[in-house]
Amino acid sequence: MTYGIVLTYTLTPRWLALTRDERNRMRATHIEPVFARYADRVTARFFDAEAFSGRFSDFAVLQTEDLRTYYFLVEALRDTPLISDGYLVLGEVILGVQDGFHAYEHHLTPTPATPEARP
């Protein structure tokens, strides 16, 4: 099964106080390597939302077939200064199954009995 995850987050005033060069260095040093480590198993797209939402400033749309790998990616992010030093606060996580109803319907379909092998 393929899982879709919307991970909302807010970049704090502490992040915004950094110069753009400092932000880019932080991203290149701490964030991009984490996503690169898991890129073969978790795809990610990033969206700015602060102009459209007051609940969070940004969100990421992740896709994976392995929730364990997704979990490890989030734990690795939590170990970075971006989160541990308070530059980013994680928000709501929305998890869904791509075309899950198809898998369920397939599960409901009885499989034909296999004829037993005869000696």
C-alpha atoms as a PDB file:
ATOM      1  CA  MET A   1       0.000   0.000   0.000  1.00  0.00           C
ATOM      2  CA  THR A   2       1.099   3.529  -0.722  1.00  0.00           C
ATOM      3  CA  TYR A   3       0.697   6.045   2.083  1.00  0.00           C
ATOM      4  CA  GLY A   4       0.307   9.792   1.644  1.00  0.00           C
ATOM      5  CA  ILE A   5       1.275  12.011   4.558  1.00  0.00           C
ATOM      6  CA  VAL A   6       0.637  15.725   4.915  1.00  0.00           C
ATOM      7  CA  LEU A   7       2.998  17.053   7.545  1.00  0.00           C
ATOM      8  CA  THR A   8       2.194  20.599   8.656  1.00  0.00           C
ATOM      9  CA  TYR A   9       4.758  22.762  10.408  1.00  0.00           C
ATOM     10  CA  THR A  10       5.456  26.332  11.423  1.00  0.00           C
ATOM     11  CA  LEU A  11       8.748  28.110  11.021  1.00  0.00           C
ATOM     12  CA  THR A  12       9.192  30.243  14.130  1.00  0.00           C
ATOM     13  CA  PRO A  13      10.239  33.891  14.518  1.00  0.00           C
ATOM     14  CA  ARG A  14      13.667  32.533  15.467  1.00  0.00           C
ATOM     15  CA  TRP A  15      13.969  31.057  11.948  1.00  0.00           C
ATOM     16  CA  LEU A  16      12.726  34.247  10.343  1.00  0.00           C
ATOM     17  CA  ALA A  17      15.353  36.235  12.260  1.00  0.00           C
ATOM     18  CA  LEU A  18      18.097  34.343  10.419  1.00  0.00           C
ATOM     19  CA  THR A  19      19.431  35.839   7.216  1.00  0.00           C
ATOM     20  CA  ARG A  20      18.463  34.036   4.029  1.00  0.00           C
ATOM     21  CA  ASP A  21      22.075  32.820   3.718  1.00  0.00           C
ATOM     22  CA  GLU A  22      21.911  31.343   7.239  1.00  0.00           C
ATOM     23  CA  ARG A  23      18.596  29.633   6.424  1.00  0.00           C
ATOM     24  CA  ASN A  24      20.014  28.189   3.213  1.00  0.00           C
ATOM     25  CA  ARG A  25      23.082  26.893   5.072  1.00  0.00           C
ATOM     26  CA  MET A  26      20.871  25.305   7.741  1.00  0.00           C
ATOM     27  CA  ARG A  27      18.719  23.660   5.092  1.00  0.00           C
ATOM     28  CA  ALA A  28      21.745  22.382   3.126  1.00  0.00           C
ATOM     29  CA  THR A  29      23.592  21.181   6.226  1.00  0.00           C
ATOM     30  CA  HIS A  30      20.808  19.608   8.247  1.00  0.00           C
ATOM     31  CA  ILE A  31      17.591  19.113   6.273  1.00  0.00           C
ATOM     32  CA  GLU A  32      18.571  18.088   2.756  1.00  0.00           C
ATOM     33  CA  PRO A  33      20.881  15.278   3.976  1.00  0.00           C
ATOM     34  CA  VAL A  34      18.035  13.759   6.025  1.00  0.00           C
ATOM     35  CA  PHE A  35      15.655  13.716   3.085  1.00  0.00           C
ATOM     36  CA  ALA A  36      18.426  12.447   0.789  1.00  0.00           C
ATOM     37  CA  ARG A  37      19.097   9.525   3.166  1.00  0.00           C
ATOM     38  CA  TYR A  38      15.487   8.350   2.750  1.00  0.00           C
ATOM     39  CA  ALA A  39      14.814   9.548  -0.828  1.00  0.00           C
ATOM     40  CA  ASP A  40      14.715   6.026  -2.240  1.00  0.00           C
ATOM     41  CA  ARG A  41      11.771   5.193   0.067  1.00  0.00           C
ATOM     42  CA  VAL A  42      10.056   8.504   0.861  1.00  0.00           C
ATOM     43  CA  THR A  43       9.278  11.192  -1.702  1.00  0.00           C
ATOM     44  CA  ALA A  44       8.688  14.735  -0.500  1.00  0.00           C
ATOM     45  CA  ARG A  45       7.257  17.943  -1.911  1.00  0.00           C
ATOM     46  CA  PHE A  46       7.251  21.183   0.080  1.00  0.00           C
ATOM     47  CA  PHE A  47       4.662  23.955   0.079  1.00  0.00           C
ATOM     48  CA  ASP A  48       4.492  27.445   1.592  1.00  0.00           C
ATOM     49  CA  ALA A  49       1.147  28.185   3.216  1.00  0.00           C
ATOM     50  CA  GLU A  50       1.577  31.278   5.381  1.00  0.00           C
ATOM     51  CA  ALA A  51      -0.246  33.477   2.855  1.00  0.00           C
ATOM     52  CA  PHE A  52      -3.242  31.123   2.961  1.00  0.00           C
ATOM     53  CA  SER A  53      -3.411  29.736   6.489  1.00  0.00           C
ATOM     54  CA  GLY A  54      -2.917  31.035  10.005  1.00  0.00           C
ATOM     55  CA  ARG A  55      -2.687  27.533  11.485  1.00  0.00           C
ATOM     56  CA  PHE A  56       0.730  26.664  10.011  1.00  0.00           C
ATOM     57  CA  SER A  57       3.305  28.299   7.762  1.00  0.00           C
ATOM     58  CA  ASP A  58       4.263  25.362   5.560  1.00  0.00           C
ATOM     59  CA  PHE A  59       3.477  21.757   4.797  1.00  0.00           C
ATOM     60  CA  ALA A  60       5.140  18.792   3.166  1.00  0.00           C
ATOM     61  CA  VAL A  61       3.420  16.080   1.161  1.00  0.00           C
ATOM     62  CA  LEU A  62       5.259  12.808   1.631  1.00  0.00           C
ATOM     63  CA  GLN A  63       4.645   9.475  -0.034  1.00  0.00           C
ATOM     64  CA  THR A  64       5.930   6.065   1.006  1.00  0.00           C
ATOM     65  CA  GLU A  65       5.141   2.385   1.068  1.00  0.00           C
ATOM     66  CA  ASP A  66       7.039   1.980   4.328  1.00  0.00           C
ATOM     67  CA  LEU A  67       5.708   3.765   7.411  1.00  0.00           C
ATOM     68  CA  ARG A  68       8.730   2.648   9.420  1.00  0.00           C
ATOM     69  CA  THR A  69      11.006   4.583   7.062  1.00  0.00           C
ATOM     70  CA  TYR A  70       8.744   7.632   7.276  1.00  0.00           C
ATOM     71  CA  TYR A  71       8.892   7.418  11.069  1.00  0.00           C
ATOM     72  CA  PHE A  72      12.693   7.201  11.004  1.00  0.00           C
ATOM     73  CA  LEU A  73      12.851  10.236   8.697  1.00  0.00           C
ATOM     74  CA  VAL A  74      10.799  12.270  11.186  1.00  0.00           C
ATOM     75  CA  GLU A  75      12.981  11.095  14.083  1.00  0.00           C
ATOM     76  CA  ALA A  76      16.089  12.115  12.118  1.00  0.00           C
ATOM     77  CA  LEU A  77      14.555  15.547  11.506  1.00  0.00           C
ATOM     78  CA  ARG A  78      13.846  15.897  15.226  1.00  0.00           C
ATOM     79  CA  ASP A  79      17.559  15.376  15.861  1.00  0.00           C
ATOM     80  CA  THR A  80      18.473  18.382  13.706  1.00  0.00           C
ATOM     81  CA  PRO A  81      18.928  21.901  15.090  1.00  0.00           C
ATOM     82  CA  LEU A  82      15.953  22.971  12.996  1.00  0.00           C
ATOM     83  CA  ILE A  83      13.624  21.276  15.471  1.00  0.00           C
ATOM     84  CA  SER A  84      15.782  20.781  18.551  1.00  0.00           C
ATOM     85  CA  ASP A  85      16.767  24.469  18.664  1.00  0.00           C
ATOM     86  CA  GLY A  86      13.222  25.703  18.067  1.00  0.00           C
ATOM     87  CA  TYR A  87      13.359  26.967  14.489  1.00  0.00           C
ATOM     88  CA  LEU A  88      10.482  24.727  13.399  1.00  0.00           C
ATOM     89  CA  VAL A  89       7.476  23.318  15.237  1.00  0.00           C
ATOM     90  CA  LEU A  90       5.773  20.252  13.824  1.00  0.00           C
ATOM     91  CA  GLY A  91       1.997  20.435  13.566  1.00  0.00           C
ATOM     92  CA  GLU A  92      -0.775  18.195  12.384  1.00  0.00           C
ATOM     93  CA  VAL A  93      -0.018  14.974  10.527  1.00  0.00           C
ATOM     94  CA  ILE A  94      -2.616  13.692   8.079  1.00  0.00           C
ATOM     95  CA  LEU A  95      -2.184  10.123   6.887  1.00  0.00           C
ATOM     96  CA  GLY A  96      -4.054   8.436   4.069  1.00  0.00           C
ATOM     97  CA  VAL A  97      -3.879   5.309   1.933  1.00  0.00           C
ATOM     98  CA  GLN A  98      -3.732   5.805  -1.832  1.00  0.00           C
ATOM     99  CA  ASP A  99      -6.747   4.080  -3.411  1.00  0.00           C
ATOM    100  CA  GLY A 100      -7.254   2.088  -0.223  1.00  0.00           C
ATOM    101  CA  PHE A 101     -10.767   1.132  -1.240  1.00  0.00           C
ATOM    102  CA  HIS A 102      -9.355  -0.793  -4.232  1.00  0.00           C
ATOM    103  CA  ALA A 103      -7.167  -2.872  -1.926  1.00  0.00           C
ATOM    104  CA  TYR A 104     -10.143  -3.513   0.341  1.00  0.00           C
ATOM    105  CA  GLU A 105     -12.382  -4.538  -2.560  1.00  0.00           C
ATOM    106  CA  HIS A 106      -9.642  -6.864  -3.821  1.00  0.00           C
ATOM    107  CA  HIS A 107      -9.443  -8.325  -0.323  1.00  0.00           C
ATOM    108  CA  LEU A 108     -13.193  -9.016  -0.405  1.00  0.00           C
ATOM    109  CA  THR A 109     -13.030 -10.883  -3.722  1.00  0.00           C
ATOM    110  CA  PRO A 110     -12.840 -14.614  -3.070  1.00  0.00           C
ATOM    111  CA  THR A 111      -9.917 -16.356  -4.688  1.00  0.00           C
ATOM    112  CA  PRO A 112     -10.706 -19.490  -6.670  1.00  0.00           C
ATOM    113  CA  ALA A 113      -9.830 -22.701  -4.923  1.00  0.00           C
ATOM    114  CA  THR A 114      -6.613 -24.245  -6.123  1.00  0.00           C
ATOM    115  CA  PRO A 115      -7.014 -27.843  -7.302  1.00  0.00           C
ATOM    116  CA  GLU A 116      -5.053 -30.221  -5.171  1.00  0.00           C
ATOM    117  CA  ALA A 117      -2.146 -31.898  -6.838  1.00  0.00           C
ATOM    118  CA  ARG A 118      -2.748 -35.536  -7.665  1.00  0.00           C
ATOM    119  CA  PRO A 119      -0.097 -38.203  -7.339  1.00  0.00           C
END
